[in-house]
PDB file of N, CA and C in Angstrom:
ATOM      1  N   MET A   1     117.964  85.770 126.282  1.00  0.00           N
ATOM      2  CA  MET A   1     118.215  86.867 125.379  1.00  0.00           C
ATOM      3  C   MET A   1     118.152  86.323 123.944  1.00  0.00           C
ATOM      4  N   LEU A   2     117.574  87.136 123.038  1.00  0.00           N
ATOM      5  CA  LEU A   2     117.381  86.737 121.649  1.00  0.00           C
ATOM      6  C   LEU A   2     118.645  87.007 120.833  1.00  0.00           C
ATOM      7  N   ASP A   3     119.050  86.018 120.051  1.00  0.00           N
ATOM      8  CA  ASP A   3     120.202  86.158 119.153  1.00  0.00           C
ATOM      9  C   ASP A   3     119.893  87.245 118.118  1.00  0.00           C
ATOM     10  N   ASN A   4     120.875  88.071 117.738  1.00  0.00           N
ATOM     11  CA  ASN A   4     120.678  89.175 116.794  1.00  0.00           C
ATOM     12  C   ASN A   4     120.344  88.704 115.386  1.00  0.00           C
ATOM     13  N   ARG A   5     120.527  87.427 115.096  1.00  0.00           N
ATOM     14  CA  ARG A   5     120.176  86.915 113.772  1.00  0.00           C
ATOM     15  C   ARG A   5     118.668  86.756 113.618  1.00  0.00           C
ATOM     16  N   TYR A   6     117.922  86.803 114.718  1.00  0.00           N
ATOM     17  CA  TYR A   6     116.483  86.539 114.684  1.00  0.00           C
ATOM     18  C   TYR A   6     115.669  87.799 114.960  1.00  0.00           C
ATOM     19  N   ALA A   7     114.439  87.779 114.453  1.00  0.00           N
ATOM     20  CA  ALA A   7     113.497  88.867 114.691  1.00  0.00           C
ATOM     21  C   ALA A   7     112.174  88.269 115.150  1.00  0.00           C
ATOM     22  N   LEU A   8     111.449  89.028 115.949  1.00  0.00           N
ATOM     23  CA  LEU A   8     110.114  88.621 116.388  1.00  0.00           C
ATOM     24  C   LEU A   8     109.091  89.483 115.670  1.00  0.00           C
ATOM     25  N   LEU A   9     108.051  88.838 115.154  1.00  0.00           N
ATOM     26  CA  LEU A   9     106.986  89.550 114.468  1.00  0.00           C
ATOM     27  C   LEU A   9     105.688  89.311 115.229  1.00  0.00           C
ATOM     28  N   PHE A  10     105.057  90.419 115.644  1.00  0.00           N
ATOM     29  CA  PHE A  10     103.793  90.348 116.356  1.00  0.00           C
ATOM     30  C   PHE A  10     102.699  90.938 115.480  1.00  0.00           C
ATOM     31  N   ILE A  11     101.683  90.143 115.191  1.00  0.00           N
ATOM     32  CA  ILE A  11     100.518  90.593 114.439  1.00  0.00           C
ATOM     33  C   ILE A  11      99.299  90.344 115.319  1.00  0.00           C
ATOM     34  N   ARG A  12      98.498  91.394 115.501  1.00  0.00           N
ATOM     35  CA  ARG A  12      97.333  91.279 116.370  1.00  0.00           C
ATOM     36  C   ARG A  12      96.428  90.142 115.892  1.00  0.00           C
ATOM     37  N   GLY A  13      96.036  89.293 116.832  1.00  0.00           N
ATOM     38  CA  GLY A  13      95.146  88.184 116.520  1.00  0.00           C
ATOM     39  C   GLY A  13      95.867  86.936 116.029  1.00  0.00           C
ATOM     40  N   GLU A  14      97.181  87.006 115.903  1.00  0.00           N
ATOM     41  CA  GLU A  14      97.963  85.854 115.445  1.00  0.00           C
ATOM     42  C   GLU A  14      99.033  85.524 116.481  1.00  0.00           C
ATOM     43  N   ARG A  15      99.581  84.331 116.355  1.00  0.00           N
ATOM     44  CA  ARG A  15     100.655  83.933 117.260  1.00  0.00           C
ATOM     45  C   ARG A  15     101.952  84.615 116.821  1.00  0.00           C
ATOM     46  N   PRO A  16     102.836  84.952 117.761  1.00  0.00           N
ATOM     47  CA  PRO A  16     104.111  85.579 117.393  1.00  0.00           C
ATOM     48  C   PRO A  16     104.945  84.648 116.500  1.00  0.00           C
ATOM     49  N   VAL A  17     105.750  85.266 115.634  1.00  0.00           N
ATOM     50  CA  VAL A  17     106.606  84.497 114.736  1.00  0.00           C
ATOM     51  C   VAL A  17     108.057  84.907 114.991  1.00  0.00           C
ATOM     52  N   MET A  18     108.942  83.910 115.076  1.00  0.00           N
ATOM     53  CA  MET A  18     110.374  84.177 115.195  1.00  0.00           C
ATOM     54  C   MET A  18     111.029  83.609 113.934  1.00  0.00           C
ATOM     55  N   ASP A  19     111.810  84.450 113.265  1.00  0.00           N
ATOM     56  CA  ASP A  19     112.459  84.018 112.035  1.00  0.00           C
ATOM     57  C   ASP A  19     113.787  84.741 111.913  1.00  0.00           C
ATOM     58  N   GLU A  20     114.648  84.226 111.008  1.00  0.00           N
ATOM     59  CA  GLU A  20     115.921  84.896 110.782  1.00  0.00           C
ATOM     60  C   GLU A  20     115.680  86.229 110.073  1.00  0.00           C
ATOM     61  N   LYS A  21     116.475  87.219 110.411  1.00  0.00           N
ATOM     62  CA  LYS A  21     116.355  88.529 109.780  1.00  0.00           C
ATOM     63  C   LYS A  21     116.806  88.436 108.326  1.00  0.00           C
ATOM     64  N   PHE A  22     116.200  89.278 107.483  1.00  0.00           N
ATOM     65  CA  PHE A  22     116.558  89.327 106.071  1.00  0.00           C
ATOM     66  C   PHE A  22     117.624  90.387 105.868  1.00  0.00           C
ATOM     67  N   ASP A  23     118.679  90.053 105.165  1.00  0.00           N
ATOM     68  CA  ASP A  23     119.746  91.009 104.870  1.00  0.00           C
ATOM     69  C   ASP A  23     119.308  91.857 103.679  1.00  0.00           C
ATOM     70  N   ILE A  24     118.868  93.103 103.932  1.00  0.00           N
ATOM     71  CA  ILE A  24     118.324  93.944 102.857  1.00  0.00           C
ATOM     72  C   ILE A  24     119.377  94.304 101.811  1.00  0.00           C
ATOM     73  N   LEU A  25     120.650  94.230 102.179  1.00  0.00           N
ATOM     74  CA  LEU A  25     121.694  94.557 101.211  1.00  0.00           C
ATOM     75  C   LEU A  25     121.859  93.461 100.156  1.00  0.00           C
ATOM     76  N   ARG A  26     121.231  92.307 100.359  1.00  0.00           N
ATOM     77  CA  ARG A  26     121.281  91.223  99.378  1.00  0.00           C
ATOM     78  C   ARG A  26     120.013  91.168  98.522  1.00  0.00           C
ATOM     79  N   HIS A  27     119.097  92.107  98.737  1.00  0.00           N
ATOM     80  CA  HIS A  27     117.852  92.136  97.953  1.00  0.00           C
ATOM     81  C   HIS A  27     118.178  92.505  96.506  1.00  0.00           C
ATOM     82  N   PRO A  28     117.482  91.915  95.504  1.00  0.00           N
ATOM     83  CA  PRO A  28     117.784  92.211  94.098  1.00  0.00           C
ATOM     84  C   PRO A  28     117.560  93.677  93.699  1.00  0.00           C
ATOM     85  N   ASN A  29     116.704  94.405  94.419  1.00  0.00           N
ATOM     86  CA  ASN A  29     116.411  95.792  94.065  1.00  0.00           C
ATOM     87  C   ASN A  29     117.118  96.805  94.968  1.00  0.00           C
ATOM     88  N   VAL A  30     118.133  96.364  95.702  1.00  0.00           N
ATOM     89  CA  VAL A  30     118.832  97.290  96.598  1.00  0.00           C
ATOM     90  C   VAL A  30     119.509  98.409  95.811  1.00  0.00           C
ATOM     91  N   SER A  31     119.796  98.185  94.522  1.00  0.00           N
ATOM     92  CA  SER A  31     120.455  99.216  93.716  1.00  0.00           C
ATOM     93  C   SER A  31     119.565 100.443  93.520  1.00  0.00           C
ATOM     94  N   GLY A  32     118.262 100.328  93.760  1.00  0.00           N
ATOM     95  CA  GLY A  32     117.349 101.458  93.638  1.00  0.00           C
ATOM     96  C   GLY A  32     117.218 102.265  94.915  1.00  0.00           C
ATOM     97  N   THR A  33     118.016 101.946  95.933  1.00  0.00           N
ATOM     98  CA  THR A  33     117.950 102.646  97.212  1.00  0.00           C
ATOM     99  C   THR A  33     119.266 103.362  97.489  1.00  0.00           C
ATOM    100  N   THR A  34     119.268 104.195  98.512  1.00  0.00           N
ATOM    101  CA  THR A  34     120.503 104.893  98.882  1.00  0.00           C
ATOM    102  C   THR A  34     121.549 103.904  99.399  1.00  0.00           C
ATOM    103  N   ASP A  35     121.114 102.775  99.976  1.00  0.00           N
ATOM    104  CA  ASP A  35     122.071 101.748 100.401  1.00  0.00           C
ATOM    105  C   ASP A  35     122.782 101.140  99.200  1.00  0.00           C
ATOM    106  N   GLY A  36     122.118 101.167  98.041  1.00  0.00           N
ATOM    107  CA  GLY A  36     122.702 100.642  96.811  1.00  0.00           C
ATOM    108  C   GLY A  36     123.309 101.733  95.958  1.00  0.00           C
ATOM    109  N   LYS A  37     123.606 102.885  96.541  1.00  0.00           N
ATOM    110  CA  LYS A  37     124.259 104.024  95.876  1.00  0.00           C
ATOM    111  C   LYS A  37     123.357 104.768  94.887  1.00  0.00           C
ATOM    112  N   ALA A  38     122.047 104.628  94.984  1.00  0.00           N
ATOM    113  CA  ALA A  38     121.119 105.385  94.136  1.00  0.00           C
ATOM    114  C   ALA A  38     120.845 106.742  94.788  1.00  0.00           C
ATOM    115  N   GLU A  39     120.325 107.672  93.999  1.00  0.00           N
ATOM    116  CA  GLU A  39     119.956 108.985  94.527  1.00  0.00           C
ATOM    117  C   GLU A  39     118.784 108.838  95.492  1.00  0.00           C
ATOM    118  N   PRO A  40     118.728 109.636  96.550  1.00  0.00           N
ATOM    119  CA  PRO A  40     117.589 109.558  97.465  1.00  0.00           C
ATOM    120  C   PRO A  40     116.308 110.051  96.799  1.00  0.00           C
ATOM    121  N   PHE A  41     115.179 109.505  97.222  1.00  0.00           N
ATOM    122  CA  PHE A  41     113.886 109.932  96.692  1.00  0.00           C
ATOM    123  C   PHE A  41     113.568 111.308  97.259  1.00  0.00           C
ATOM    124  N   ARG A  42     113.133 112.214  96.413  1.00  0.00           N
ATOM    125  CA  ARG A  42     112.799 113.579  96.833  1.00  0.00           C
ATOM    126  C   ARG A  42     111.301 113.803  96.672  1.00  0.00           C
ATOM    127  N   HIS A  43     110.644 114.150  97.756  1.00  0.00           N
ATOM    128  CA  HIS A  43     109.219 114.456  97.714  1.00  0.00           C
ATOM    129  C   HIS A  43     109.016 115.873  97.202  1.00  0.00           C
ATOM    130  N   GLY A  44     107.964 116.071  96.415  1.00  0.00           N
ATOM    131  CA  GLY A  44     107.573 117.410  96.007  1.00  0.00           C
ATOM    132  C   GLY A  44     108.321 117.984  94.822  1.00  0.00           C
ATOM    133  N   ILE A  45     109.130 117.189  94.129  1.00  0.00           N
ATOM    134  CA  ILE A  45     109.812 117.734  92.963  1.00  0.00           C
ATOM    135  C   ILE A  45     108.916 117.596  91.737  1.00  0.00           C
ATOM    136  N   VAL A  46     109.143 118.422  90.743  1.00  0.00           N
ATOM    137  CA  VAL A  46     108.344 118.403  89.535  1.00  0.00           C
ATOM    138  C   VAL A  46     108.816 117.246  88.657  1.00  0.00           C
ATOM    139  N   THR A  47     107.894 116.316  88.365  1.00  0.00           N
ATOM    140  CA  THR A  47     108.249 115.166  87.533  1.00  0.00           C
ATOM    141  C   THR A  47     107.487 115.150  86.220  1.00  0.00           C
ATOM    142  N   HIS A  48     106.427 115.920  86.127  1.00  0.00           N
ATOM    143  CA  HIS A  48     105.605 115.932  84.918  1.00  0.00           C
ATOM    144  C   HIS A  48     105.486 117.358  84.374  1.00  0.00           C
ATOM    145  N   SER A  49     106.604 118.023  84.220  1.00  0.00           N
ATOM    146  CA  SER A  49     106.586 119.396  83.739  1.00  0.00           C
ATOM    147  C   SER A  49     106.157 119.417  82.275  1.00  0.00           C
ATOM    148  N   VAL A  50     105.186 120.264  81.961  1.00  0.00           N
ATOM    149  CA  VAL A  50     104.702 120.354  80.584  1.00  0.00           C
ATOM    150  C   VAL A  50     104.941 121.734  79.982  1.00  0.00           C
ATOM    151  N   ALA A  51     105.369 122.698  80.782  1.00  0.00           N
ATOM    152  CA  ALA A  51     105.595 124.044  80.260  1.00  0.00           C
ATOM    153  C   ALA A  51     106.504 124.804  81.222  1.00  0.00           C
ATOM    154  N   THR A  52     107.105 125.863  80.712  1.00  0.00           N
ATOM    155  CA  THR A  52     107.917 126.734  81.545  1.00  0.00           C
ATOM    156  C   THR A  52     107.527 128.178  81.276  1.00  0.00           C
ATOM    157  N   LEU A  53     107.847 129.051  82.201  1.00  0.00           N
ATOM    158  CA  LEU A  53     107.563 130.473  82.065  1.00  0.00           C
ATOM    159  C   LEU A  53     108.874 131.215  82.300  1.00  0.00           C
ATOM    160  N   THR A  54     109.279 132.013  81.347  1.00  0.00           N
ATOM    161  CA  THR A  54     110.506 132.789  81.488  1.00  0.00           C
ATOM    162  C   THR A  54     110.217 134.251  81.165  1.00  0.00           C
ATOM    163  N   PHE A  55     110.991 135.147  81.750  1.00  0.00           N
ATOM    164  CA  PHE A  55     110.874 136.575  81.501  1.00  0.00           C
ATOM    165  C   PHE A  55     112.104 137.037  80.732  1.00  0.00           C
ATOM    166  N   ALA A  56     111.908 137.918  79.792  1.00  0.00           N
ATOM    167  CA  ALA A  56     113.014 138.433  78.992  1.00  0.00           C
ATOM    168  C   ALA A  56     113.852 139.413  79.799  1.00  0.00           C
ATOM    169  N   GLU A  57     113.259 140.011  80.828  1.00  0.00           N
ATOM    170  CA  GLU A  57     113.968 140.989  81.649  1.00  0.00           C
ATOM    171  C   GLU A  57     114.099 140.466  83.067  1.00  0.00           C
ATOM    172  N   ASP A  58     115.194 140.846  83.722  1.00  0.00           N
ATOM    173  CA  ASP A  58     115.350 140.483  85.127  1.00  0.00           C
ATOM    174  C   ASP A  58     114.459 141.379  85.977  1.00  0.00           C
ATOM    175  N   ILE A  59     113.813 140.799  86.957  1.00  0.00           N
ATOM    176  CA  ILE A  59     112.961 141.558  87.862  1.00  0.00           C
ATOM    177  C   ILE A  59     113.585 141.463  89.245  1.00  0.00           C
ATOM    178  N   ASP A  60     114.037 142.568  89.744  1.00  0.00           N
ATOM    179  CA  ASP A  60     114.677 142.608  91.055  1.00  0.00           C
ATOM    180  C   ASP A  60     113.690 143.194  92.057  1.00  0.00           C
ATOM    181  N   PRO A  61     113.298 142.424  93.091  1.00  0.00           N
ATOM    182  CA  PRO A  61     112.351 142.957  94.087  1.00  0.00           C
ATOM    183  C   PRO A  61     112.885 144.188  94.809  1.00  0.00           C
ATOM    184  N   ALA A  62     114.206 144.367  94.832  1.00  0.00           N
ATOM    185  CA  ALA A  62     114.793 145.520  95.510  1.00  0.00           C
ATOM    186  C   ALA A  62     114.523 146.817  94.752  1.00  0.00           C
ATOM    187  N   ASP A  63     114.132 146.720  93.466  1.00  0.00           N
ATOM    188  CA  ASP A  63     113.836 147.930  92.690  1.00  0.00           C
ATOM    189  C   ASP A  63     112.567 148.622  93.167  1.00  0.00           C
ATOM    190  N   GLY A  64     111.730 147.893  93.902  1.00  0.00           N
ATOM    191  CA  GLY A  64     110.501 148.484  94.424  1.00  0.00           C
ATOM    192  C   GLY A  64     109.439 148.727  93.367  1.00  0.00           C
ATOM    193  N   LEU A  65     109.436 147.943  92.321  1.00  0.00           N
ATOM    194  CA  LEU A  65     108.426 148.116  91.272  1.00  0.00           C
ATOM    195  C   LEU A  65     107.054 147.681  91.780  1.00  0.00           C
ATOM    196  N   ARG A  66     106.035 148.448  91.417  1.00  0.00           N
ATOM    197  CA  ARG A  66     104.663 148.081  91.734  1.00  0.00           C
ATOM    198  C   ARG A  66     104.191 147.093  90.663  1.00  0.00           C
ATOM    199  N   PRO A  67     103.180 146.280  90.943  1.00  0.00           N
ATOM    200  CA  PRO A  67     102.709 145.306  89.958  1.00  0.00           C
ATOM    201  C   PRO A  67     102.374 145.918  88.605  1.00  0.00           C
ATOM    202  N   ALA A  68     101.854 147.136  88.574  1.00  0.00           N
ATOM    203  CA  ALA A  68     101.495 147.767  87.302  1.00  0.00           C
ATOM    204  C   ALA A  68     102.731 148.137  86.491  1.00  0.00           C
ATOM    205  N   GLU A  69     103.889 148.278  87.158  1.00  0.00           N
ATOM    206  CA  GLU A  69     105.113 148.661  86.474  1.00  0.00           C
ATOM    207  C   GLU A  69     105.922 147.460  85.971  1.00  0.00           C
ATOM    208  N   LEU A  70     105.518 146.260  86.350  1.00  0.00           N
ATOM    209  CA  LEU A  70     106.250 145.067  85.929  1.00  0.00           C
ATOM    210  C   LEU A  70     106.062 144.838  84.437  1.00  0.00           C
ATOM    211  N   PRO A  71     107.072 144.306  83.764  1.00  0.00           N
ATOM    212  CA  PRO A  71     106.938 144.055  82.329  1.00  0.00           C
ATOM    213  C   PRO A  71     105.869 143.007  82.060  1.00  0.00           C
ATOM    214  N   LYS A  72     105.132 143.205  80.987  1.00  0.00           N
ATOM    215  CA  LYS A  72     104.098 142.250  80.590  1.00  0.00           C
ATOM    216  C   LYS A  72     104.747 141.112  79.806  1.00  0.00           C
ATOM    217  N   PRO A  73     104.458 139.866  80.169  1.00  0.00           N
ATOM    218  CA  PRO A  73     105.037 138.759  79.413  1.00  0.00           C
ATOM    219  C   PRO A  73     104.400 138.666  78.029  1.00  0.00           C
ATOM    220  N   ALA A  74     105.206 138.337  77.044  1.00  0.00           N
ATOM    221  CA  ALA A  74     104.694 138.152  75.681  1.00  0.00           C
ATOM    222  C   ALA A  74     104.115 136.747  75.582  1.00  0.00           C
ATOM    223  N   ILE A  75     102.831 136.665  75.255  1.00  0.00           N
ATOM    224  CA  ILE A  75     102.164 135.373  75.157  1.00  0.00           C
ATOM    225  C   ILE A  75     102.058 134.990  73.692  1.00  0.00           C
ATOM    226  N   PRO A  76     102.665 133.875  73.298  1.00  0.00           N
ATOM    227  CA  PRO A  76     102.587 133.456  71.899  1.00  0.00           C
ATOM    228  C   PRO A  76     101.146 133.180  71.494  1.00  0.00           C
ATOM    229  N   VAL A  77     100.887 133.299  70.205  1.00  0.00           N
ATOM    230  CA  VAL A  77      99.545 133.053  69.681  1.00  0.00           C
ATOM    231  C   VAL A  77      99.240 131.567  69.795  1.00  0.00           C
ATOM    232  N   GLY A  78      98.045 131.262  70.233  1.00  0.00           N
ATOM    233  CA  GLY A  78      97.622 129.871  70.369  1.00  0.00           C
ATOM    234  C   GLY A  78      96.566 129.746  71.434  1.00  0.00           C
ATOM    235  N   GLU A  79      96.078 128.543  71.617  1.00  0.00           N
ATOM    236  CA  GLU A  79      95.077 128.294  72.650  1.00  0.00           C
ATOM    237  C   GLU A  79      95.770 127.711  73.875  1.00  0.00           C
ATOM    238  N   TYR A  80      95.453 128.264  75.036  1.00  0.00           N
ATOM    239  CA  TYR A  80      96.069 127.822  76.274  1.00  0.00           C
ATOM    240  C   TYR A  80      94.991 127.618  77.325  1.00  0.00           C
ATOM    241  N   GLU A  81      95.266 126.684  78.218  1.00  0.00           N
ATOM    242  CA  GLU A  81      94.374 126.444  79.335  1.00  0.00           C
ATOM    243  C   GLU A  81      95.235 126.245  80.572  1.00  0.00           C
ATOM    244  N   LEU A  82      94.963 126.992  81.620  1.00  0.00           N
ATOM    245  CA  LEU A  82      95.718 126.880  82.857  1.00  0.00           C
ATOM    246  C   LEU A  82      95.069 125.797  83.705  1.00  0.00           C
ATOM    247  N   LEU A  83      95.838 124.757  84.024  1.00  0.00           N
ATOM    248  CA  LEU A  83      95.323 123.627  84.799  1.00  0.00           C
ATOM    249  C   LEU A  83      95.907 123.646  86.200  1.00  0.00           C
ATOM    250  N   SER A  84      95.078 123.272  87.161  1.00  0.00           N
ATOM    251  CA  SER A  84      95.552 123.161  88.535  1.00  0.00           C
ATOM    252  C   SER A  84      96.322 121.848  88.683  1.00  0.00           C
ATOM    253  N   GLU A  85      97.000 121.700  89.816  1.00  0.00           N
ATOM    254  CA  GLU A  85      97.736 120.465  90.068  1.00  0.00           C
ATOM    255  C   GLU A  85      96.787 119.265  90.095  1.00  0.00           C
ATOM    256  N   ASP A  86      95.588 119.453  90.658  1.00  0.00           N
ATOM    257  CA  ASP A  86      94.606 118.369  90.695  1.00  0.00           C
ATOM    258  C   ASP A  86      94.171 117.974  89.283  1.00  0.00           C
ATOM    259  N   ASP A  87      93.967 118.983  88.410  1.00  0.00           N
ATOM    260  CA  ASP A  87      93.591 118.694  87.021  1.00  0.00           C
ATOM    261  C   ASP A  87      94.677 117.890  86.315  1.00  0.00           C
ATOM    262  N   LEU A  88      95.940 118.286  86.526  1.00  0.00           N
ATOM    263  CA  LEU A  88      97.049 117.574  85.894  1.00  0.00           C
ATOM    264  C   LEU A  88      97.147 116.139  86.403  1.00  0.00           C
ATOM    265  N   GLU A  89      96.982 115.947  87.708  1.00  0.00           N
ATOM    266  CA  GLU A  89      97.034 114.595  88.272  1.00  0.00           C
ATOM    267  C   GLU A  89      95.956 113.721  87.654  1.00  0.00           C
ATOM    268  N   GLU A  90      94.761 114.274  87.468  1.00  0.00           N
ATOM    269  CA  GLU A  90      93.660 113.519  86.858  1.00  0.00           C
ATOM    270  C   GLU A  90      93.999 113.150  85.411  1.00  0.00           C
ATOM    271  N   LEU A  91      94.588 114.092  84.668  1.00  0.00           N
ATOM    272  CA  LEU A  91      94.979 113.806  83.287  1.00  0.00           C
ATOM    273  C   LEU A  91      96.049 112.716  83.217  1.00  0.00           C
ATOM    274  N   PHE A  92      97.035 112.782  84.104  1.00  0.00           N
ATOM    275  CA  PHE A  92      98.084 111.768  84.105  1.00  0.00           C
ATOM    276  C   PHE A  92      97.522 110.409  84.511  1.00  0.00           C
ATOM    277  N   LYS A  93      96.567 110.410  85.443  1.00  0.00           N
ATOM    278  CA  LYS A  93      95.944 109.158  85.868  1.00  0.00           C
ATOM    279  C   LYS A  93      95.203 108.513  84.695  1.00  0.00           C
ATOM    280  N   ILE A  94      94.462 109.317  83.944  1.00  0.00           N
ATOM    281  CA  ILE A  94      93.731 108.810  82.778  1.00  0.00           C
ATOM    282  C   ILE A  94      94.715 108.288  81.738  1.00  0.00           C
ATOM    283  N   LYS A  95      95.822 109.010  81.542  1.00  0.00           N
ATOM    284  CA  LYS A  95      96.824 108.596  80.563  1.00  0.00           C
ATOM    285  C   LYS A  95      97.453 107.263  80.958  1.00  0.00           C
ATOM    286  N   GLU A  96      97.710 107.068  82.243  1.00  0.00           N
ATOM    287  CA  GLU A  96      98.291 105.806  82.711  1.00  0.00           C
ATOM    288  C   GLU A  96      97.300 104.657  82.564  1.00  0.00           C
ATOM    289  N   GLU A  97      96.018 104.926  82.787  1.00  0.00           N
ATOM    290  CA  GLU A  97      95.002 103.879  82.686  1.00  0.00           C
ATOM    291  C   GLU A  97      94.735 103.491  81.233  1.00  0.00           C
ATOM    292  N   ASN A  98      94.872 104.439  80.297  1.00  0.00           N
ATOM    293  CA  ASN A  98      94.601 104.202  78.871  1.00  0.00           C
ATOM    294  C   ASN A  98      95.813 104.612  78.040  1.00  0.00           C
ATOM    295  N   PRO A  99      96.947 103.866  78.133  1.00  0.00           N
ATOM    296  CA  PRO A  99      98.157 104.310  77.444  1.00  0.00           C
ATOM    297  C   PRO A  99      98.077 104.275  75.927  1.00  0.00           C
ATOM    298  N   HIS A 100      97.143 103.497  75.351  1.00  0.00           N
ATOM    299  CA  HIS A 100      97.077 103.374  73.902  1.00  0.00           C
ATOM    300  C   HIS A 100      95.949 104.187  73.282  1.00  0.00           C
ATOM    301  N   GLU A 101      95.312 105.047  74.098  1.00  0.00           N
ATOM    302  CA  GLU A 101      94.211 105.868  73.593  1.00  0.00           C
ATOM    303  C   GLU A 101      94.747 106.930  72.643  1.00  0.00           C
ATOM    304  N   LYS A 102      94.043 107.141  71.543  1.00  0.00           N
ATOM    305  CA  LYS A 102      94.464 108.142  70.562  1.00  0.00           C
ATOM    306  C   LYS A 102      94.237 109.545  71.112  1.00  0.00           C
ATOM    307  N   LYS A 103      95.157 110.443  70.793  1.00  0.00           N
ATOM    308  CA  LYS A 103      95.013 111.846  71.211  1.00  0.00           C
ATOM    309  C   LYS A 103      94.017 112.542  70.288  1.00  0.00           C
ATOM    310  N   HIS A 104      93.263 113.477  70.862  1.00  0.00           N
ATOM    311  CA  HIS A 104      92.281 114.213  70.063  1.00  0.00           C
ATOM    312  C   HIS A 104      92.910 115.389  69.397  1.00  0.00           C
TER     313      HIS A 104
END
């Protein structure tokens, strides 16, 4: 029987390796994990928000309003472009690759 202090590692095409287990709670970056009391990582949350949309009036679906009866949002004067999530990811990727590039 194998002592609990040891682990076996099997890699295809290589000989098995037996070594002492690593205590992950002693790792220098454990503070970035839930074991180190950090917040859990959440998939799908907005991390690169660049704009918000708010309505001046409350819209209650129970009122039964048809789309034509809904209040029109006031759009401030200016130039706007609606980007898809893929477009935004591409822009952020370019920004990360060229952090010192001047803005146009």
